[in-house]
Amino acid sequence: MDEKDRKRLIEENILLVRFVMSRIKGGLPEGMTEEDVYQEGCIGLIHAVDHYSEDKGPFATYACHRIRGAILDGTLRYQWMIKRRDARNIQSENPVVVGLIPEIISAATQSEEEAFPDQTIMEITDEQLNLYDAMDHLEPMERAMIREHYFEDQSLTEIARMKQMNYYIVRSFHASAILKLKNRLN
């Protein structure tokens, strides 16, 4: 297909993007506009035009599947970017929380007297106790990720390799844990 036919096919089927958008149930992620969704749908339409062949059935049916997939992928990608941004903001906004994590993880495996040997029970700060309590409310996998990353100084890449998990899943657990800690401490 030459460039002229490609452009004509895109222009003739651009309304499919709005049609598919109207059929997708559920709301948009917070901060994502309809124009963002429309743009993702247009990318799906272009991808459909570029990869279409007669053996794939009617073009409109094929294009609708590609458009819907592109919109859903774009929405997931947007949500992931927001979570990533929020996790970075949490770390930069709460250096006290991040700085205390190794201490609290160490304390989680010991009694209070062993965990804070140079402090009496009265000298333990409220921040330390609050963070210790917040760590108890994490899922076991999240607690392990925080312990390995902050206390054992392992990078998220190393943790992913060690647990034989996808790096992005490990980052997701890490971000989720930080968000939960932040919410518990506020």
C-alpha atoms as a PDB file:
ATOM      1  CA  MET A   1       0.000   0.000   0.000  1.00  0.00           C
ATOM      2  CA  ASP A   2       1.426   3.344  -0.990  1.00  0.00           C
ATOM      3  CA  GLU A   3       1.395   6.432   1.239  1.00  0.00           C
ATOM      4  CA  LYS A   4      -1.626   7.955  -0.524  1.00  0.00           C
ATOM      5  CA  ASP A   5      -3.786   4.856   0.039  1.00  0.00           C
ATOM      6  CA  ARG A   6      -2.600   4.593   3.615  1.00  0.00           C
ATOM      7  CA  LYS A   7      -3.552   8.195   4.349  1.00  0.00           C
ATOM      8  CA  ARG A   8      -6.958   7.742   2.664  1.00  0.00           C
ATOM      9  CA  LEU A   9      -7.695   4.597   4.712  1.00  0.00           C
ATOM     10  CA  ILE A  10      -6.824   6.390   7.949  1.00  0.00           C
ATOM     11  CA  GLU A  11      -9.024   9.392   7.084  1.00  0.00           C
ATOM     12  CA  GLU A  12     -11.968   7.197   6.050  1.00  0.00           C
ATOM     13  CA  ASN A  13     -11.870   5.240   9.307  1.00  0.00           C
ATOM     14  CA  ILE A  14     -11.000   7.925  11.854  1.00  0.00           C
ATOM     15  CA  LEU A  15     -14.558   7.847  13.202  1.00  0.00           C
ATOM     16  CA  LEU A  16     -13.917   4.281  14.380  1.00  0.00           C
ATOM     17  CA  VAL A  17     -11.781   5.758  17.138  1.00  0.00           C
ATOM     18  CA  ARG A  18     -14.733   7.716  18.603  1.00  0.00           C
ATOM     19  CA  PHE A  19     -16.972   4.673  18.121  1.00  0.00           C
ATOM     20  CA  VAL A  20     -14.621   2.412  20.088  1.00  0.00           C
ATOM     21  CA  MET A  21     -14.161   5.092  22.756  1.00  0.00           C
ATOM     22  CA  SER A  22     -17.945   5.184  23.278  1.00  0.00           C
ATOM     23  CA  ARG A  23     -18.041   1.386  23.719  1.00  0.00           C
ATOM     24  CA  ILE A  24     -15.338   1.134  26.380  1.00  0.00           C
ATOM     25  CA  LYS A  25     -16.932   0.882  29.798  1.00  0.00           C
ATOM     26  CA  GLY A  26     -15.438   2.349  32.922  1.00  0.00           C
ATOM     27  CA  GLY A  27     -13.999   5.728  33.701  1.00  0.00           C
ATOM     28  CA  LEU A  28     -10.704   7.204  32.764  1.00  0.00           C
ATOM     29  CA  PRO A  29      -7.836   7.157  35.231  1.00  0.00           C
ATOM     30  CA  GLU A  30      -7.585  10.358  37.225  1.00  0.00           C
ATOM     31  CA  GLY A  31      -5.782  12.994  35.179  1.00  0.00           C
ATOM     32  CA  MET A  32      -6.212  11.255  31.805  1.00  0.00           C
ATOM     33  CA  THR A  33      -8.320  13.266  29.373  1.00  0.00           C
ATOM     34  CA  GLU A  34     -10.553  12.114  26.529  1.00  0.00           C
ATOM     35  CA  GLU A  35      -8.039  13.628  24.135  1.00  0.00           C
ATOM     36  CA  ASP A  36      -5.342  11.367  25.581  1.00  0.00           C
ATOM     37  CA  VAL A  37      -7.603   8.379  24.967  1.00  0.00           C
ATOM     38  CA  TYR A  38      -8.400   9.629  21.458  1.00  0.00           C
ATOM     39  CA  GLN A  39      -4.700   9.905  20.705  1.00  0.00           C
ATOM     40  CA  GLU A  40      -4.119   6.324  21.871  1.00  0.00           C
ATOM     41  CA  GLY A  41      -7.011   5.199  19.660  1.00  0.00           C
ATOM     42  CA  CYS A  42      -5.529   7.001  16.662  1.00  0.00           C
ATOM     43  CA  ILE A  43      -2.249   5.192  17.244  1.00  0.00           C
ATOM     44  CA  GLY A  44      -4.208   1.929  17.222  1.00  0.00           C
ATOM     45  CA  LEU A  45      -5.889   2.891  13.948  1.00  0.00           C
ATOM     46  CA  ILE A  46      -2.557   3.690  12.322  1.00  0.00           C
ATOM     47  CA  HIS A  47      -1.163   0.388  13.578  1.00  0.00           C
ATOM     48  CA  ALA A  48      -4.220  -1.402  12.116  1.00  0.00           C
ATOM     49  CA  VAL A  49      -3.711   0.267   8.732  1.00  0.00           C
ATOM     50  CA  ASP A  50      -0.029  -0.656   8.702  1.00  0.00           C
ATOM     51  CA  HIS A  51      -0.589  -4.314   9.621  1.00  0.00           C
ATOM     52  CA  TYR A  52      -3.850  -5.125   7.837  1.00  0.00           C
ATOM     53  CA  SER A  53      -4.124  -7.809   5.187  1.00  0.00           C
ATOM     54  CA  GLU A  54      -7.189  -9.269   3.433  1.00  0.00           C
ATOM     55  CA  ASP A  55      -6.923 -12.591   5.311  1.00  0.00           C
ATOM     56  CA  LYS A  56      -7.667 -10.805   8.624  1.00  0.00           C
ATOM     57  CA  GLY A  57     -11.305 -10.182   7.701  1.00  0.00           C
ATOM     58  CA  PRO A  58     -13.108  -6.872   7.259  1.00  0.00           C
ATOM     59  CA  PHE A  59     -10.897  -3.863   7.945  1.00  0.00           C
ATOM     60  CA  ALA A  60     -13.394  -2.179  10.305  1.00  0.00           C
ATOM     61  CA  THR A  61     -13.552  -5.244  12.578  1.00  0.00           C
ATOM     62  CA  TYR A  62      -9.774  -5.617  12.628  1.00  0.00           C
ATOM     63  CA  ALA A  63      -9.282  -1.889  13.229  1.00  0.00           C
ATOM     64  CA  CYS A  64     -11.775  -1.824  16.122  1.00  0.00           C
ATOM     65  CA  HIS A  65      -9.845  -4.573  17.906  1.00  0.00           C
ATOM     66  CA  ARG A  66      -6.543  -2.754  17.366  1.00  0.00           C
ATOM     67  CA  ILE A  67      -7.999   0.591  18.491  1.00  0.00           C
ATOM     68  CA  ARG A  68      -9.521  -0.918  21.628  1.00  0.00           C
ATOM     69  CA  GLY A  69      -6.258  -2.658  22.470  1.00  0.00           C
ATOM     70  CA  ALA A  70      -4.260   0.535  21.966  1.00  0.00           C
ATOM     71  CA  ILE A  71      -6.640   2.499  24.214  1.00  0.00           C
ATOM     72  CA  LEU A  72      -6.464  -0.108  26.983  1.00  0.00           C
ATOM     73  CA  ASP A  73      -2.672  -0.341  26.697  1.00  0.00           C
ATOM     74  CA  GLY A  74      -2.406   3.449  26.832  1.00  0.00           C
ATOM     75  CA  THR A  75      -4.611   3.616  29.922  1.00  0.00           C
ATOM     76  CA  LEU A  76      -2.530   0.988  31.708  1.00  0.00           C
ATOM     77  CA  ARG A  77       0.686   2.739  30.700  1.00  0.00           C
ATOM     78  CA  TYR A  78      -0.708   6.040  32.035  1.00  0.00           C
ATOM     79  CA  GLN A  79      -1.683   4.452  35.358  1.00  0.00           C
ATOM     80  CA  TRP A  80       1.767   2.889  35.681  1.00  0.00           C
ATOM     81  CA  MET A  81       3.447   6.261  35.019  1.00  0.00           C
ATOM     82  CA  ILE A  82       1.272   7.942  37.674  1.00  0.00           C
ATOM     83  CA  LYS A  83       2.165   5.271  40.240  1.00  0.00           C
ATOM     84  CA  ARG A  84       5.827   5.627  39.356  1.00  0.00           C
ATOM     85  CA  ARG A  85       5.664   9.423  39.708  1.00  0.00           C
ATOM     86  CA  ASP A  86       3.835   9.143  43.026  1.00  0.00           C
ATOM     87  CA  ALA A  87       6.405   6.693  44.368  1.00  0.00           C
ATOM     88  CA  ARG A  88       9.226   9.052  43.416  1.00  0.00           C
ATOM     89  CA  ASN A  89       7.396  11.972  45.027  1.00  0.00           C
ATOM     90  CA  ILE A  90       6.904   9.986  48.211  1.00  0.00           C
ATOM     91  CA  GLN A  91      10.591   9.198  48.414  1.00  0.00           C
ATOM     92  CA  SER A  92      11.636  12.792  47.787  1.00  0.00           C
ATOM     93  CA  GLU A  93       8.958  14.305  50.056  1.00  0.00           C
ATOM     94  CA  ASN A  94       9.506  11.920  52.967  1.00  0.00           C
ATOM     95  CA  PRO A  95      13.252  11.471  53.481  1.00  0.00           C
ATOM     96  CA  VAL A  96      12.589  10.724  57.148  1.00  0.00           C
ATOM     97  CA  VAL A  97      10.427   7.741  56.210  1.00  0.00           C
ATOM     98  CA  VAL A  98      12.919   6.388  53.687  1.00  0.00           C
ATOM     99  CA  GLY A  99      15.827   7.003  56.033  1.00  0.00           C
ATOM    100  CA  LEU A 100      14.182   5.093  58.882  1.00  0.00           C
ATOM    101  CA  ILE A 101      13.170   2.039  56.837  1.00  0.00           C
ATOM    102  CA  PRO A 102      16.402   0.045  57.419  1.00  0.00           C
ATOM    103  CA  GLU A 103      16.180   0.659  61.162  1.00  0.00           C
ATOM    104  CA  ILE A 104      12.565  -0.410  61.324  1.00  0.00           C
ATOM    105  CA  ILE A 105      13.125  -3.528  59.239  1.00  0.00           C
ATOM    106  CA  SER A 106      15.965  -4.487  61.515  1.00  0.00           C
ATOM    107  CA  ALA A 107      13.739  -3.895  64.491  1.00  0.00           C
ATOM    108  CA  ALA A 108      10.946  -5.986  62.981  1.00  0.00           C
ATOM    109  CA  THR A 109      13.002  -9.138  63.433  1.00  0.00           C
ATOM    110  CA  GLN A 110      14.128  -8.387  66.986  1.00  0.00           C
ATOM    111  CA  SER A 111      12.643  -7.456  70.302  1.00  0.00           C
ATOM    112  CA  GLU A 112      12.588  -3.767  71.157  1.00  0.00           C
ATOM    113  CA  GLU A 113      15.567  -4.089  73.505  1.00  0.00           C
ATOM    114  CA  GLU A 114      17.684  -5.848  70.834  1.00  0.00           C
ATOM    115  CA  ALA A 115      16.551  -3.587  68.020  1.00  0.00           C
ATOM    116  CA  PHE A 116      17.482  -0.343  69.733  1.00  0.00           C
ATOM    117  CA  PRO A 117      20.324  -1.330  72.097  1.00  0.00           C
ATOM    118  CA  ASP A 118      21.634   2.192  72.638  1.00  0.00           C
ATOM    119  CA  GLN A 119      18.198   3.570  73.379  1.00  0.00           C
ATOM    120  CA  THR A 120      15.885   2.917  76.212  1.00  0.00           C
ATOM    121  CA  ILE A 121      12.250   2.271  75.371  1.00  0.00           C
ATOM    122  CA  MET A 122      11.439   5.880  76.266  1.00  0.00           C
ATOM    123  CA  GLU A 123      14.055   7.212  73.818  1.00  0.00           C
ATOM    124  CA  ILE A 124      12.572   5.508  70.752  1.00  0.00           C
ATOM    125  CA  THR A 125      11.056   8.246  68.667  1.00  0.00           C
ATOM    126  CA  ASP A 126       7.412   8.340  67.706  1.00  0.00           C
ATOM    127  CA  GLU A 127       8.470   8.277  64.056  1.00  0.00           C
ATOM    128  CA  GLN A 128      10.318   4.992  64.593  1.00  0.00           C
ATOM    129  CA  LEU A 129       7.367   3.412  66.368  1.00  0.00           C
ATOM    130  CA  ASN A 130       4.894   4.643  63.757  1.00  0.00           C
ATOM    131  CA  LEU A 131       7.028   3.302  60.922  1.00  0.00           C
ATOM    132  CA  TYR A 132       7.465   0.002  62.765  1.00  0.00           C
ATOM    133  CA  ASP A 133       3.670  -0.249  63.083  1.00  0.00           C
ATOM    134  CA  ALA A 134       3.175   0.692  59.417  1.00  0.00           C
ATOM    135  CA  MET A 135       5.573  -2.056  58.304  1.00  0.00           C
ATOM    136  CA  ASP A 136       3.360  -4.604  60.088  1.00  0.00           C
ATOM    137  CA  HIS A 137       0.485  -3.670  57.769  1.00  0.00           C
ATOM    138  CA  LEU A 138       2.362  -4.433  54.544  1.00  0.00           C
ATOM    139  CA  GLU A 139       1.857  -7.606  52.552  1.00  0.00           C
ATOM    140  CA  PRO A 140       4.668 -10.146  53.073  1.00  0.00           C
ATOM    141  CA  MET A 141       5.997  -9.618  49.522  1.00  0.00           C
ATOM    142  CA  GLU A 142       6.012  -5.834  49.970  1.00  0.00           C
ATOM    143  CA  ARG A 143       7.744  -6.126  53.333  1.00  0.00           C
ATOM    144  CA  ALA A 144      10.384  -8.384  51.759  1.00  0.00           C
ATOM    145  CA  MET A 145      10.947  -5.918  48.898  1.00  0.00           C
ATOM    146  CA  ILE A 146      11.414  -3.011  51.312  1.00  0.00           C
ATOM    147  CA  ARG A 147      13.752  -5.062  53.534  1.00  0.00           C
ATOM    148  CA  GLU A 148      15.901  -6.237  50.639  1.00  0.00           C
ATOM    149  CA  HIS A 149      16.045  -2.841  48.940  1.00  0.00           C
ATOM    150  CA  TYR A 150      16.672  -0.582  51.942  1.00  0.00           C
ATOM    151  CA  PHE A 151      18.235  -2.843  54.545  1.00  0.00           C
ATOM    152  CA  GLU A 152      20.210  -5.265  52.394  1.00  0.00           C
ATOM    153  CA  ASP A 153      21.088  -2.578  49.802  1.00  0.00           C
ATOM    154  CA  GLN A 154      19.915  -4.611  46.819  1.00  0.00           C
ATOM    155  CA  SER A 155      18.787  -2.816  43.701  1.00  0.00           C
ATOM    156  CA  LEU A 156      15.316  -3.529  42.360  1.00  0.00           C
ATOM    157  CA  THR A 157      16.967  -5.210  39.374  1.00  0.00           C
ATOM    158  CA  GLU A 158      18.860  -7.578  41.688  1.00  0.00           C
ATOM    159  CA  ILE A 159      15.686  -8.340  43.629  1.00  0.00           C
ATOM    160  CA  ALA A 160      13.825  -9.118  40.405  1.00  0.00           C
ATOM    161  CA  ARG A 161      16.591 -11.427  39.239  1.00  0.00           C
ATOM    162  CA  MET A 162      16.814 -13.162  42.620  1.00  0.00           C
ATOM    163  CA  LYS A 163      13.044 -13.712  42.867  1.00  0.00           C
ATOM    164  CA  GLN A 164      12.800 -14.555  39.154  1.00  0.00           C
ATOM    165  CA  MET A 165      10.223 -11.828  38.669  1.00  0.00           C
ATOM    166  CA  ASN A 166       9.730  -9.151  36.078  1.00  0.00           C
ATOM    167  CA  TYR A 167      11.542  -5.923  37.022  1.00  0.00           C
ATOM    168  CA  TYR A 168       8.378  -3.858  36.548  1.00  0.00           C
ATOM    169  CA  ILE A 169       6.419  -6.097  38.905  1.00  0.00           C
ATOM    170  CA  VAL A 170       9.107  -5.638  41.551  1.00  0.00           C
ATOM    171  CA  ARG A 171       8.921  -1.860  41.037  1.00  0.00           C
ATOM    172  CA  SER A 172       5.155  -2.076  41.384  1.00  0.00           C
ATOM    173  CA  PHE A 173       5.456  -3.923  44.716  1.00  0.00           C
ATOM    174  CA  HIS A 174       8.012  -1.365  45.887  1.00  0.00           C
ATOM    175  CA  ALA A 175       5.829   1.596  44.899  1.00  0.00           C
ATOM    176  CA  SER A 176       2.779  -0.006  46.497  1.00  0.00           C
ATOM    177  CA  ALA A 177       4.665  -0.563  49.736  1.00  0.00           C
ATOM    178  CA  ILE A 178       5.916   3.019  49.858  1.00  0.00           C
ATOM    179  CA  LEU A 179       2.391   4.349  49.202  1.00  0.00           C
ATOM    180  CA  LYS A 180       0.987   2.172  51.994  1.00  0.00           C
ATOM    181  CA  LEU A 181       3.680   3.351  54.389  1.00  0.00           C
ATOM    182  CA  LYS A 182       2.970   6.960  53.497  1.00  0.00           C
ATOM    183  CA  ASN A 183      -0.772   6.513  53.987  1.00  0.00           C
ATOM    184  CA  ARG A 184      -0.296   4.784  57.341  1.00  0.00           C
ATOM    185  CA  LEU A 185       2.062   7.518  58.562  1.00  0.00           C
ATOM    186  CA  ASN A 186      -0.214  10.420  57.619  1.00  0.00           C
END
